[in-house]
């Protein structure tokens, strides 16, 4: 092996994983067959999605070649296949069509520039390891986005079909007829032969009907037309400051949409295959694919569920399946250029209607609505926003709502009052105890369930004040802090204030098993020294009670009838009790 070959393999291992070490003859055959299926699947999809994006049909083919190869070789997943997608196509059209007429040179220039910018943003996210940001796009927001995209796709496809059915002021029955046959054949193939390329079969059925009609009646049917070229030509995005500034917001929104799709698909494939996914490396592959694609006449690409799932089910072993898919796609297009030119436009429109129908996942939507009202609000708000406002703001509204609900939830951590209960004297929340509940009149036990940060200090402070005001005799407070994973400066100030308030009334604030991260924060602030100085941190409940109970007011203990702690037996009036 030459030094150059070794260097290439080392780079592949560093950037795209070590899958090449597992290559076998059987694996290559499996990848080749999976690649052939992928080429057949993307052929009608690429044409349809390019139309959806407001681009000539050949751009859908271009986007399924170079970006697909780059994403496969430099990404993390062995099974994700990238290329044009319905959501990206629609988002691109919705955001750029107000700036230029679709299909014009100005529009193509903006498309290439937006694709380049998205690629750069994806690359930077991977470079600085911000891949976890994709986790803030909740499943409900993605479902709302997909459902809204489905409605928009269906609307635009229906308008196109209406124009095809009414050429020159007369109704042409053959156009809706071809669309109906295409959809029916696609649905039938997907239901009864799920492993077959359903969209390709539907396209073939519509093509056959159009050919038969034209041969019998002599009346022409609107056709796709010849592709300019099968091989992606070189291109150059517009990197002028004015254009970059004009597209900055749009590129950011498209990045969010593309990354949300990509990581969702990568995780779905990982769940099926058992492969570990490196999120940042997946973003790296997507970023490099869009950067490269912008110089090869490709528009925005990302992982495609319609191609990735069949790729996995077809037995693909390595990313070479995606590479084979791109190469075989070029071969198919070159060999069948005349056949592709004769595809009826109504059949392509019908495929878009089918795609819109499949995007609305009724079962998932129903599950989200049943699971949580807040998740349902995020889904519905994103869905409605997709229909009423620009798409780049719709996805941000959904993400913003998700974060607001999350912040609202975390800003109200639960603080459960505990009492010893049962023969084993287990500390149990009072709401789970049946019958009368007795608390120690001097010591309150509370389990802290959540973090105490700046957004939660108001709620936690109110609860602590309520404890003091409603039960002024309970001057001592023992906090079970095992579930308090984090405190910030505001949280530290809250506990410091509570510590001094209770100390000023002759009581004390104590903690059971605070997390090391919390203890470190207290150590940096100085509170830890005060807590340790008076023994206010304990590793076990028994140690805590053994220290705290003897410090309680003995006169109150002598009159107390609760006697809920074992340690109470050693206090005044506790002989033979407790």
Protein backbone atom coordinates (compact mmCIF):
# COMPACT_ATOMS: atom_id res chain seq x y z
CA UNK A 1 0.00 0.00 0.00
CA UNK A 2 1.40 3.40 -0.96
CA UNK A 3 1.87 6.25 1.49
CA UNK A 4 -0.91 8.19 -0.27
CA UNK A 5 -3.36 5.31 0.12
CA UNK A 6 -2.41 4.93 3.77
CA UNK A 7 -2.93 8.64 4.29
CA UNK A 8 -6.38 8.51 2.70
CA UNK A 9 -7.42 5.57 4.88
CA UNK A 10 -6.15 7.35 7.98
CA UNK A 11 -8.23 10.42 7.11
CA UNK A 12 -11.29 8.27 6.53
CA UNK A 13 -10.79 6.59 9.88
CA UNK A 14 -10.35 9.94 11.63
CA UNK A 15 -13.26 11.71 9.93
CA UNK A 16 -15.67 9.01 8.85
CA UNK A 17 -15.08 6.08 11.18
CA UNK A 18 -13.40 2.73 10.73
CA UNK A 19 -16.14 0.99 8.74
CA UNK A 20 -13.67 0.30 5.91
CA UNK A 21 -11.88 -2.19 8.17
CA UNK A 22 -14.97 -4.43 8.11
CA UNK A 23 -15.31 -4.57 4.32
CA UNK A 24 -15.92 -8.06 2.91
CA UNK A 25 -16.98 -9.40 -0.46
CA UNK A 26 -20.41 -10.30 0.94
CA UNK A 27 -20.74 -6.86 2.48
CA UNK A 28 -19.86 -5.17 -0.79
CA UNK A 29 -22.53 -7.19 -2.61
CA UNK A 30 -25.09 -6.18 0.03
CA UNK A 31 -24.07 -2.53 -0.31
CA UNK A 32 -24.31 -2.73 -4.09
CA UNK A 33 -27.85 -4.16 -3.99
CA UNK A 34 -28.91 -1.60 -1.39
CA UNK A 35 -27.37 1.14 -3.55
CA UNK A 36 -29.37 -0.03 -6.56
CA UNK A 37 -32.59 0.18 -4.56
CA UNK A 38 -31.60 3.65 -3.35
CA UNK A 39 -30.97 4.83 -6.91
CA UNK A 40 -34.40 3.59 -7.99
CA UNK A 41 -36.06 5.27 -5.03
CA UNK A 42 -34.42 8.66 -5.43
CA UNK A 43 -35.05 8.93 -9.15
CA UNK A 44 -38.72 9.99 -8.89
CA UNK A 45 -38.19 11.64 -5.51
CA UNK A 46 -35.37 13.86 -6.75
CA UNK A 47 -37.44 15.07 -9.68
CA UNK A 48 -40.50 15.71 -7.50
CA UNK A 49 -38.59 17.44 -4.70
CA UNK A 50 -36.71 19.70 -7.11
CA UNK A 51 -40.05 20.83 -8.50
CA UNK A 52 -41.21 21.45 -4.93
CA UNK A 53 -38.14 23.62 -4.32
CA UNK A 54 -38.88 25.71 -7.40
CA UNK A 55 -35.89 24.29 -9.30
CA UNK A 56 -35.42 22.49 -12.62
CA UNK A 57 -35.85 18.69 -12.19
CA UNK A 58 -32.18 17.91 -12.78
CA UNK A 59 -31.26 19.71 -9.55
CA UNK A 60 -32.97 16.95 -7.59
CA UNK A 61 -30.67 14.45 -9.33
CA UNK A 62 -27.59 16.58 -8.68
CA UNK A 63 -28.43 16.85 -4.98
CA UNK A 64 -28.63 13.06 -4.72
CA UNK A 65 -25.07 12.61 -6.02
CA UNK A 66 -22.21 14.70 -4.58
CA UNK A 67 -23.83 15.62 -1.21
CA UNK A 68 -24.86 12.00 -0.72
CA UNK A 69 -21.32 10.72 -1.23
CA UNK A 70 -19.68 13.33 1.01
CA UNK A 71 -22.19 12.90 3.86
CA UNK A 72 -21.82 9.12 3.75
CA UNK A 73 -18.01 9.14 3.87
CA UNK A 74 -17.62 11.83 6.54
CA UNK A 75 -20.73 11.26 8.68
CA UNK A 76 -21.22 8.95 11.63
CA UNK A 77 -24.07 6.67 10.56
CA UNK A 78 -23.47 3.69 8.29
CA UNK A 79 -27.04 3.70 7.02
CA UNK A 80 -28.23 7.30 6.70
CA UNK A 81 -28.54 8.32 3.04
CA UNK A 82 -28.55 12.06 2.34
CA UNK A 83 -30.06 14.00 -0.51
CA UNK A 84 -33.08 16.15 -1.34
CA UNK A 85 -35.99 15.95 1.11
CA UNK A 86 -39.55 17.21 1.00
CA UNK A 87 -39.24 19.42 4.10
CA UNK A 88 -35.99 21.05 2.96
CA UNK A 89 -37.35 21.58 -0.54
CA UNK A 90 -40.50 23.24 0.73
CA UNK A 91 -38.62 25.34 3.29
CA UNK A 92 -36.17 26.52 0.64
CA UNK A 93 -38.97 27.47 -1.73
CA UNK A 94 -41.00 29.26 0.96
CA UNK A 95 -38.04 31.30 2.20
CA UNK A 96 -36.41 32.22 -1.13
CA UNK A 97 -39.36 32.64 -3.49
CA UNK A 98 -40.20 36.09 -2.04
CA UNK A 99 -36.65 37.19 -2.94
CA UNK A 100 -36.49 35.95 -6.55
CA UNK A 101 -38.66 34.23 -9.14
CA UNK A 102 -38.25 30.43 -8.82
CA UNK A 103 -36.24 28.87 -11.64
CA UNK A 104 -34.51 32.10 -12.66
CA UNK A 105 -30.72 32.60 -12.48
CA UNK A 106 -31.16 34.92 -9.49
CA UNK A 107 -33.15 32.26 -7.67
CA UNK A 108 -30.53 29.58 -8.42
CA UNK A 109 -27.82 31.91 -7.15
CA UNK A 110 -29.67 32.38 -3.86
CA UNK A 111 -30.25 28.63 -3.56
CA UNK A 112 -26.56 27.84 -3.99
CA UNK A 113 -25.54 30.57 -1.54
CA UNK A 114 -28.07 29.46 1.09
CA UNK A 115 -26.86 25.87 0.71
CA UNK A 116 -23.25 26.95 1.20
CA UNK A 117 -24.13 29.02 4.27
CA UNK A 118 -26.09 26.17 5.84
CA UNK A 119 -23.12 23.88 5.25
CA UNK A 120 -20.75 26.32 6.95
CA UNK A 121 -23.10 26.66 9.95
CA UNK A 122 -23.39 22.89 10.23
CA UNK A 123 -19.62 22.56 10.02
CA UNK A 124 -19.14 25.15 12.79
CA UNK A 125 -21.68 23.40 15.00
CA UNK A 126 -19.67 20.19 14.60
CA UNK A 127 -16.32 21.92 14.95
CA UNK A 128 -17.24 23.52 18.28
CA UNK A 129 -19.17 20.41 19.38
CA UNK A 130 -22.55 22.08 19.73
CA UNK A 131 -24.36 19.03 18.41
CA UNK A 132 -26.39 18.74 21.60
CA UNK A 133 -28.33 21.84 20.46
CA UNK A 134 -30.35 19.52 18.22
CA UNK A 135 -31.83 17.98 21.36
CA UNK A 136 -33.76 21.21 21.94
CA UNK A 137 -35.91 20.46 18.90
CA UNK A 138 -38.53 18.31 20.55
CA UNK A 139 -40.38 15.47 18.76
CA UNK A 140 -43.64 17.42 19.05
CA UNK A 141 -42.11 20.41 17.24
CA UNK A 142 -40.76 18.16 14.48
CA UNK A 143 -44.17 16.50 14.14
CA UNK A 144 -45.83 19.90 13.90
CA UNK A 145 -43.28 21.03 11.34
CA UNK A 146 -43.76 17.90 9.23
CA UNK A 147 -47.54 18.15 9.43
CA UNK A 148 -47.49 21.81 8.44
CA UNK A 149 -45.07 21.02 5.62
CA UNK A 150 -47.43 18.29 4.47
CA UNK A 151 -50.32 20.76 4.25
CA UNK A 152 -48.22 23.22 2.27
CA UNK A 153 -46.95 20.50 -0.07
CA UNK A 154 -50.50 19.30 -0.67
CA UNK A 155 -51.71 22.84 -1.33
CA UNK A 156 -49.00 23.64 -3.89
CA UNK A 157 -49.42 20.26 -5.57
CA UNK A 158 -53.18 20.70 -5.77
CA UNK A 159 -52.75 24.15 -7.33
CA UNK A 160 -50.33 22.74 -9.91
CA UNK A 161 -52.72 19.90 -10.72
CA UNK A 162 -55.57 22.36 -11.11
CA UNK A 163 -53.57 24.38 -13.64
CA UNK A 164 -52.68 21.19 -15.52
CA UNK A 165 -56.34 20.14 -15.62
CA UNK A 166 -57.50 23.52 -17.00
CA UNK A 167 -55.18 24.41 -19.88
CA UNK A 168 -56.47 27.17 -22.14
CA UNK A 169 -59.82 27.37 -20.34
CA UNK A 170 -60.88 23.74 -20.93
CA UNK A 171 -60.91 20.78 -18.58
CA UNK A 172 -58.50 17.95 -19.44
CA UNK A 173 -59.69 14.79 -17.75
CA UNK A 174 -56.49 12.92 -18.53
CA UNK A 175 -54.38 15.04 -16.16
CA UNK A 176 -56.30 14.23 -12.94
CA UNK A 177 -56.71 10.70 -14.29
CA UNK A 178 -52.95 10.23 -14.54
CA UNK A 179 -52.54 11.69 -11.06
CA UNK A 180 -55.18 9.35 -9.62
CA UNK A 181 -53.62 6.26 -11.21
CA UNK A 182 -50.16 7.31 -9.99
CA UNK A 183 -51.33 7.75 -6.40
CA UNK A 184 -53.38 4.53 -6.45
CA UNK A 185 -50.46 2.48 -7.80
CA UNK A 186 -48.05 4.02 -5.30
CA UNK A 187 -50.36 3.33 -2.34
CA UNK A 188 -51.03 -0.22 -3.51
CA UNK A 189 -47.33 -0.99 -3.96
CA UNK A 190 -46.39 0.47 -0.58
CA UNK A 191 -49.10 -1.54 1.17
CA UNK A 192 -48.80 -4.91 -0.54
CA UNK A 193 -45.14 -4.84 -1.59
CA UNK A 194 -43.45 -2.60 1.01
CA UNK A 195 -39.93 -3.55 -0.13
CA UNK A 196 -40.58 -2.49 -3.71
CA UNK A 197 -39.88 1.07 -4.95
CA UNK A 198 -43.51 2.23 -4.61
CA UNK A 199 -43.05 5.74 -5.99
CA UNK A 200 -41.22 4.44 -9.03
CA UNK A 201 -43.99 1.93 -9.72
CA UNK A 202 -46.60 4.65 -9.31
CA UNK A 203 -44.70 6.86 -11.73
CA UNK A 204 -44.52 4.02 -14.23
CA UNK A 205 -48.28 3.44 -13.98
CA UNK A 206 -49.05 7.11 -14.58
CA UNK A 207 -46.56 7.20 -17.45
CA UNK A 208 -48.21 4.16 -19.05
CA UNK A 209 -51.68 5.73 -18.85
CA UNK A 210 -50.43 8.99 -20.37
CA UNK A 211 -48.72 7.11 -23.23
CA UNK A 212 -51.85 5.06 -23.92
CA UNK A 213 -54.08 8.12 -23.92
CA UNK A 214 -51.82 10.10 -26.23
CA UNK A 215 -51.48 7.14 -28.63
CA UNK A 216 -55.27 6.60 -28.78
CA UNK A 217 -56.54 10.18 -28.76
CA UNK A 218 -53.60 12.03 -30.26
CA UNK A 219 -53.91 14.66 -27.52
CA UNK A 220 -50.69 15.70 -25.80
CA UNK A 221 -50.09 15.42 -22.06
CA UNK A 222 -47.87 17.89 -20.19
CA UNK A 223 -44.40 16.33 -19.83
CA UNK A 224 -41.41 16.90 -17.60
CA UNK A 225 -39.05 17.62 -20.50
CA UNK A 226 -35.43 16.75 -21.08
CA UNK A 227 -32.90 17.12 -18.31
CA UNK A 228 -30.11 19.53 -19.15
CA UNK A 229 -27.40 17.22 -17.83
CA UNK A 230 -27.09 14.10 -15.73
CA UNK A 231 -23.63 14.95 -14.40
CA UNK A 232 -23.63 17.81 -11.84
CA UNK A 233 -21.95 20.84 -13.42
CA UNK A 234 -19.66 23.11 -11.43
CA UNK A 235 -21.29 26.11 -9.80
CA UNK A 236 -20.33 29.03 -7.59
CA UNK A 237 -22.36 30.47 -4.71
CA UNK A 238 -22.56 34.24 -4.36
CA UNK A 239 -20.28 35.15 -1.45
CA UNK A 240 -20.73 38.90 -1.65
CA UNK A 241 -21.33 40.59 1.74
CA UNK A 242 -24.75 41.88 0.65
CA UNK A 243 -26.03 38.43 -0.29
CA UNK A 244 -24.57 36.80 2.80
CA UNK A 245 -26.25 39.40 5.00
CA UNK A 246 -29.53 38.98 3.12
CA UNK A 247 -29.58 35.21 3.66
CA UNK A 248 -28.11 35.00 7.19
CA UNK A 249 -31.44 34.59 8.98
CA UNK A 250 -32.81 32.24 6.34
CA UNK A 251 -29.67 30.08 6.47
CA UNK A 252 -29.92 29.82 10.26
CA UNK A 253 -33.54 28.66 10.06
CA UNK A 254 -32.72 26.17 7.31
CA UNK A 255 -29.86 24.86 9.45
CA UNK A 256 -32.23 24.21 12.33
CA UNK A 257 -34.68 22.42 10.03
CA UNK A 258 -31.98 20.31 8.36
CA UNK A 259 -30.20 19.37 11.58
CA UNK A 260 -33.46 18.46 13.28
CA UNK A 261 -34.30 16.09 10.44
CA UNK A 262 -30.79 14.65 10.18
CA UNK A 263 -30.31 13.83 13.83
CA UNK A 264 -33.84 12.40 14.16
CA UNK A 265 -33.21 10.09 11.20
CA UNK A 266 -29.73 9.14 12.42
CA UNK A 267 -31.09 8.24 15.85
CA UNK A 268 -33.95 6.26 14.30
CA UNK A 269 -31.47 4.27 12.22
CA UNK A 270 -29.23 3.73 15.25
CA UNK A 271 -32.13 2.33 17.26
CA UNK A 272 -32.76 -0.24 14.53
CA UNK A 273 -29.14 -1.16 13.80
CA UNK A 274 -27.64 -0.81 17.28
CA UNK A 275 -24.90 1.48 15.97
CA UNK A 276 -23.62 4.31 18.15
CA UNK A 277 -24.08 7.74 16.57
CA UNK A 278 -21.63 10.59 17.09
CA UNK A 279 -23.91 13.61 16.74
CA UNK A 280 -21.13 16.10 16.08
CA UNK A 281 -19.52 13.91 13.41
CA UNK A 282 -22.93 13.47 11.79
CA UNK A 283 -23.23 17.25 11.61
CA UNK A 284 -19.73 17.43 10.19
CA UNK A 285 -20.72 15.11 7.36
CA UNK A 286 -23.87 17.10 6.67
CA UNK A 287 -21.97 20.39 6.72
CA UNK A 288 -19.26 19.20 4.34
CA UNK A 289 -21.90 17.70 2.03
CA UNK A 290 -23.74 21.02 1.67
CA UNK A 291 -20.52 23.00 1.25
CA UNK A 292 -19.39 20.62 -1.50
CA UNK A 293 -22.88 20.47 -3.01
CA UNK A 294 -23.05 24.23 -3.45
CA UNK A 295 -20.10 23.96 -5.88
CA UNK A 296 -21.75 21.11 -7.81
CA UNK A 297 -25.17 22.62 -8.60
CA UNK A 298 -26.85 20.98 -5.60
CA UNK A 299 -29.35 22.50 -3.22
CA UNK A 300 -29.86 21.90 0.49
CA UNK A 301 -29.59 18.23 1.46
CA UNK A 302 -29.82 16.22 4.67
CA UNK A 303 -30.59 12.70 5.80
CA UNK A 304 -33.61 11.26 4.01
CA UNK A 305 -35.89 8.86 5.88
CA UNK A 306 -37.46 7.71 2.60
CA UNK A 307 -34.04 6.45 1.49
CA UNK A 308 -32.30 5.63 4.78
CA UNK A 309 -34.89 3.16 6.07
CA UNK A 310 -35.04 1.12 2.83
CA UNK A 311 -31.24 1.26 2.73
CA UNK A 312 -31.05 -0.37 6.15
CA UNK A 313 -33.76 -2.91 5.40
CA UNK A 314 -32.07 -3.82 2.12
CA UNK A 315 -29.05 -5.03 4.09
CA UNK A 316 -26.58 -2.16 3.68
CA UNK A 317 -23.42 -2.79 5.69
CA UNK A 318 -21.35 0.37 5.21
CA UNK A 319 -21.65 3.93 3.85
CA UNK A 320 -20.54 2.55 0.48
CA UNK A 321 -24.21 1.71 -0.12
CA UNK A 322 -24.91 5.46 -0.36
CA UNK A 323 -21.90 5.91 -2.65
CA UNK A 324 -23.11 3.11 -4.92
CA UNK A 325 -26.58 4.68 -4.90
CA UNK A 326 -25.20 7.96 -6.26
CA UNK A 327 -23.07 6.29 -8.95
CA UNK A 328 -25.90 4.01 -10.08
CA UNK A 329 -28.28 6.98 -10.14
CA UNK A 330 -26.04 8.72 -12.66
CA UNK A 331 -25.95 5.56 -14.76
CA UNK A 332 -29.73 5.23 -14.69
CA UNK A 333 -30.27 8.85 -15.69
CA UNK A 334 -27.77 8.64 -18.53
CA UNK A 335 -29.34 5.41 -19.80
CA UNK A 336 -32.94 6.60 -19.61
CA UNK A 337 -32.80 10.30 -20.41
CA UNK A 338 -35.54 10.08 -23.07
CA UNK A 339 -37.79 8.09 -20.76
CA UNK A 340 -37.40 10.65 -17.99
CA UNK A 341 -38.22 13.48 -20.37
CA UNK A 342 -41.59 11.83 -21.05
CA UNK A 343 -42.71 11.67 -17.43
CA UNK A 344 -46.14 13.33 -17.13
CA UNK A 345 -46.18 16.43 -14.98
CA UNK A 346 -49.43 15.29 -13.38
CA UNK A 347 -47.68 12.11 -12.22
CA UNK A 348 -44.96 14.16 -10.54
CA UNK A 349 -47.65 16.30 -8.88
CA UNK A 350 -49.40 13.16 -7.72
CA UNK A 351 -46.21 11.94 -6.06
CA UNK A 352 -46.05 15.19 -4.11
CA UNK A 353 -49.62 14.62 -2.92
CA UNK A 354 -48.62 11.12 -1.83
CA UNK A 355 -45.59 12.50 0.02
CA UNK A 356 -47.81 15.04 1.79
CA UNK A 357 -50.17 12.29 2.86
CA UNK A 358 -47.37 10.14 4.29
CA UNK A 359 -45.85 13.06 6.22
CA UNK A 360 -48.88 13.37 8.54
CA UNK A 361 -48.30 10.67 11.13
CA UNK A 362 -51.74 10.38 12.72
CA UNK A 363 -50.65 7.75 15.24
CA UNK A 364 -47.77 9.86 16.48
CA UNK A 365 -49.88 13.01 16.65
CA UNK A 366 -52.53 11.18 18.65
CA UNK A 367 -49.88 9.84 21.00
CA UNK A 368 -48.44 13.31 21.60
CA UNK A 369 -51.89 14.79 22.31
CA UNK A 370 -52.66 12.02 24.80
CA UNK A 371 -49.27 12.21 26.47
CA UNK A 372 -49.06 15.89 27.34
CA UNK A 373 -51.11 19.03 26.87
CA UNK A 374 -47.91 21.08 26.65
CA UNK A 375 -46.50 18.83 23.93
CA UNK A 376 -49.80 19.10 22.09
CA UNK A 377 -49.62 22.91 22.27
CA UNK A 378 -46.09 22.86 20.81
CA UNK A 379 -47.24 20.57 18.00
CA UNK A 380 -50.35 22.61 17.21
CA UNK A 381 -48.58 25.97 17.41
CA UNK A 382 -45.82 24.83 15.05
CA UNK A 383 -48.38 23.33 12.67
CA UNK A 384 -50.49 26.50 12.55
CA UNK A 385 -47.43 28.75 12.34
CA UNK A 386 -46.24 26.79 9.30
CA UNK A 387 -49.45 27.74 7.52
CA UNK A 388 -49.68 31.39 8.58
CA UNK A 389 -46.17 32.82 8.84
CA UNK A 390 -42.82 32.31 7.08
CA UNK A 391 -41.38 28.86 7.73
CA UNK A 392 -38.12 30.17 9.18
CA UNK A 393 -40.11 31.68 12.06
CA UNK A 394 -42.50 28.76 12.44
CA UNK A 395 -39.82 26.31 13.51
CA UNK A 396 -38.35 28.90 15.89
CA UNK A 397 -41.78 29.43 17.47
CA UNK A 398 -42.05 25.72 18.13
CA UNK A 399 -38.57 25.52 19.62
CA UNK A 400 -39.22 28.63 21.70
CA UNK A 401 -42.45 27.20 23.11
CA UNK A 402 -40.71 23.95 23.99
CA UNK A 403 -38.00 25.83 25.87
CA UNK A 404 -40.56 28.01 27.67
CA UNK A 405 -42.49 24.95 28.85
CA UNK A 406 -39.25 23.33 29.93
CA UNK A 407 -38.14 26.41 31.85
CA UNK A 408 -41.56 26.69 33.49
CA UNK A 409 -41.31 23.07 34.58
CA UNK A 410 -37.77 23.34 35.95
CA UNK A 411 -38.53 26.67 37.63
CA UNK A 412 -40.92 24.92 40.01
CA UNK A 413 -38.95 22.04 41.56
CA UNK A 414 -40.98 19.83 43.86
CA UNK A 415 -40.26 20.03 47.59
CA UNK A 416 -41.94 17.11 49.36
CA UNK A 417 -42.47 17.08 53.11
CA UNK A 418 -41.36 13.72 54.57
CA UNK A 419 -42.26 11.76 57.70
CA UNK A 420 -40.96 8.43 59.01
CA UNK A 421 -43.59 5.80 58.20
CA UNK A 422 -44.11 2.09 58.55
CA UNK A 423 -42.28 -0.50 60.60
CA UNK A 424 -38.97 0.41 58.94
CA UNK A 425 -39.51 4.14 59.57
CA UNK A 426 -38.85 4.95 55.90
CA UNK A 427 -38.99 8.65 55.05
CA UNK A 428 -42.21 8.93 53.03
CA UNK A 429 -43.93 11.97 51.43
CA UNK A 430 -46.91 12.99 53.55
CA UNK A 431 -49.24 12.78 50.55
CA UNK A 432 -48.47 9.06 50.27
CA UNK A 433 -49.31 8.31 53.92
CA UNK A 434 -52.84 7.18 54.67
CA UNK A 435 -54.50 8.31 57.87
CA UNK A 436 -53.30 10.91 60.33
CA UNK A 437 -49.84 12.35 59.76
CA UNK A 438 -47.67 13.63 62.57
CA UNK A 439 -44.61 15.83 62.07
CA UNK A 440 -41.93 16.76 64.53
CA UNK A 441 -42.90 20.16 65.94
CA UNK A 442 -39.27 21.34 65.77
CA UNK A 443 -37.72 19.61 62.73
CA UNK A 444 -39.11 19.58 59.20
CA UNK A 445 -37.90 17.02 56.68
CA UNK A 446 -38.04 17.99 53.00
CA UNK A 447 -36.93 16.16 49.85
CA UNK A 448 -35.64 18.57 47.19
CA UNK A 449 -36.53 17.30 43.68
CA UNK A 450 -34.90 19.58 41.14
CA UNK A 451 -32.16 22.10 40.59
CA UNK A 452 -32.01 25.46 42.36
CA UNK A 453 -30.95 27.97 39.73
CA UNK A 454 -31.88 31.58 38.99
CA UNK A 455 -35.20 30.60 37.39
CA UNK A 456 -36.23 28.42 40.36
CA UNK A 457 -35.12 30.54 43.31
CA UNK A 458 -38.38 32.53 43.43
CA UNK A 459 -40.47 29.37 43.78
CA UNK A 460 -38.09 27.65 46.21
CA UNK A 461 -37.82 30.83 48.29
CA UNK A 462 -41.63 31.09 48.49
CA UNK A 463 -41.93 27.48 49.65
CA UNK A 464 -39.23 27.95 52.29
CA UNK A 465 -40.92 31.12 53.55
CA UNK A 466 -44.25 29.28 53.70
CA UNK A 467 -42.60 26.56 55.81
CA UNK A 468 -41.33 29.18 58.27
CA UNK A 469 -44.59 31.13 58.47
CA UNK A 470 -47.00 28.19 58.73
CA UNK A 471 -44.86 26.24 61.18
CA UNK A 472 -42.73 28.77 63.10
CA UNK A 473 -41.90 26.15 65.69
CA UNK A 474 -40.08 24.03 63.11
CA UNK A 475 -36.90 26.07 63.33
CA UNK A 476 -34.77 23.20 62.01
CA UNK A 477 -34.92 22.03 58.40
CA UNK A 478 -33.27 18.86 57.04
CA UNK A 479 -33.14 18.86 53.21
CA UNK A 480 -32.74 15.53 51.42
CA UNK A 481 -30.55 16.91 48.62
CA UNK A 482 -29.67 13.80 46.63
CA UNK A 483 -31.94 14.91 43.76
CA UNK A 484 -30.64 18.49 43.74
CA UNK A 485 -28.01 18.18 41.03
CA UNK A 486 -27.13 21.82 40.48
CA UNK A 487 -27.09 25.24 42.11
CA UNK A 488 -25.93 28.46 40.52
CA UNK A 489 -25.00 31.74 42.19
CA UNK A 490 -28.65 32.66 42.76
CA UNK A 491 -29.29 29.25 44.30
CA UNK A 492 -26.25 29.55 46.55
CA UNK A 493 -27.46 32.97 47.77
CA UNK A 494 -30.90 31.49 48.50
CA UNK A 495 -29.49 28.70 50.68
CA UNK A 496 -27.11 31.14 52.39
CA UNK A 497 -30.04 33.38 53.29
CA UNK A 498 -32.07 30.44 54.55
CA UNK A 499 -29.09 29.21 56.60
CA UNK A 500 -28.71 32.57 58.36
CA UNK A 501 -32.46 33.08 58.87
CA UNK A 502 -32.80 29.77 60.67
CA UNK A 503 -29.61 30.26 62.62
CA UNK A 504 -30.92 33.67 63.74
CA UNK A 505 -34.03 32.07 65.25
CA UNK A 506 -32.08 29.42 67.08
CA UNK A 507 -32.62 26.73 64.47
CA UNK A 508 -30.51 25.25 61.71
CA UNK A 509 -30.42 24.21 58.07
CA UNK A 510 -29.03 20.75 57.30
CA UNK A 511 -28.43 18.71 54.17
CA UNK A 512 -28.40 14.99 53.54
CA UNK A 513 -26.14 13.76 50.74
CA UNK A 514 -25.81 16.86 48.54
CA UNK A 515 -24.23 16.11 45.17
CA UNK A 516 -20.48 16.69 44.74
CA UNK A 517 -21.24 19.31 42.11
CA UNK A 518 -23.38 21.21 44.63
CA UNK A 519 -20.78 20.87 47.37
CA UNK A 520 -18.13 22.23 45.01
CA UNK A 521 -20.30 25.28 44.32
CA UNK A 522 -20.74 25.87 48.04
CA UNK A 523 -17.00 25.45 48.58
CA UNK A 524 -16.26 28.14 45.99
CA UNK A 525 -18.75 30.54 47.59
CA UNK A 526 -17.69 30.02 51.19
CA UNK A 527 -21.02 28.56 52.37
CA UNK A 528 -19.43 25.12 52.60
CA UNK A 529 -17.13 26.30 55.39
CA UNK A 530 -20.10 27.48 57.44
CA UNK A 531 -22.02 24.28 56.83
CA UNK A 532 -19.09 22.07 57.79
CA UNK A 533 -18.19 24.22 60.77
CA UNK A 534 -21.43 23.33 62.53
CA UNK A 535 -21.90 19.89 61.05
CA UNK A 536 -24.74 20.65 58.67
CA UNK A 537 -23.91 18.10 55.94
CA UNK A 538 -24.50 14.39 56.54
CA UNK A 539 -23.86 11.23 54.57
CA UNK A 540 -26.77 9.28 56.09
CA UNK A 541 -30.16 10.04 57.59
CA UNK A 542 -29.23 8.24 60.80
CA UNK A 543 -26.17 10.45 61.27
CA UNK A 544 -28.25 13.54 60.56
CA UNK A 545 -30.94 12.69 63.10
CA UNK A 546 -28.39 11.54 65.68
CA UNK A 547 -26.83 14.99 65.50
CA UNK A 548 -29.94 17.19 65.08
CA UNK A 549 -32.43 15.65 67.53
CA UNK A 550 -30.27 16.22 70.64
CA UNK A 551 -30.03 19.93 69.71
CA UNK A 552 -33.82 20.37 69.80
CA UNK A 553 -35.51 22.29 72.65
CA UNK A 554 -35.84 19.75 75.48
CA UNK A 555 -38.85 21.53 77.02
CA UNK A 556 -40.80 21.09 73.76
CA UNK A 557 -39.63 17.49 73.51
CA UNK A 558 -40.88 16.80 77.03
CA UNK A 559 -44.41 17.86 76.05
CA UNK A 560 -44.32 16.30 72.55
CA UNK A 561 -46.63 13.37 71.78
CA UNK A 562 -45.49 12.80 68.15
CA UNK A 563 -42.24 10.96 68.92
CA UNK A 564 -41.70 10.08 65.24
CA UNK A 565 -37.93 9.49 65.43
CA UNK A 566 -36.20 6.61 67.18
CA UNK A 567 -33.84 9.20 68.62
CA UNK A 568 -36.79 10.76 70.48
CA UNK A 569 -36.58 7.96 73.08
CA UNK A 570 -33.42 9.56 74.50
CA UNK A 571 -34.99 13.01 74.81
CA UNK A 572 -36.81 14.34 77.91
CA UNK A 573 -40.14 12.61 78.34
CA UNK A 574 -39.18 9.92 75.87
CA UNK A 575 -38.45 6.98 78.16
CA UNK A 576 -40.10 3.92 76.73
CA UNK A 577 -41.55 5.94 73.83
CA UNK A 578 -40.54 6.64 70.20
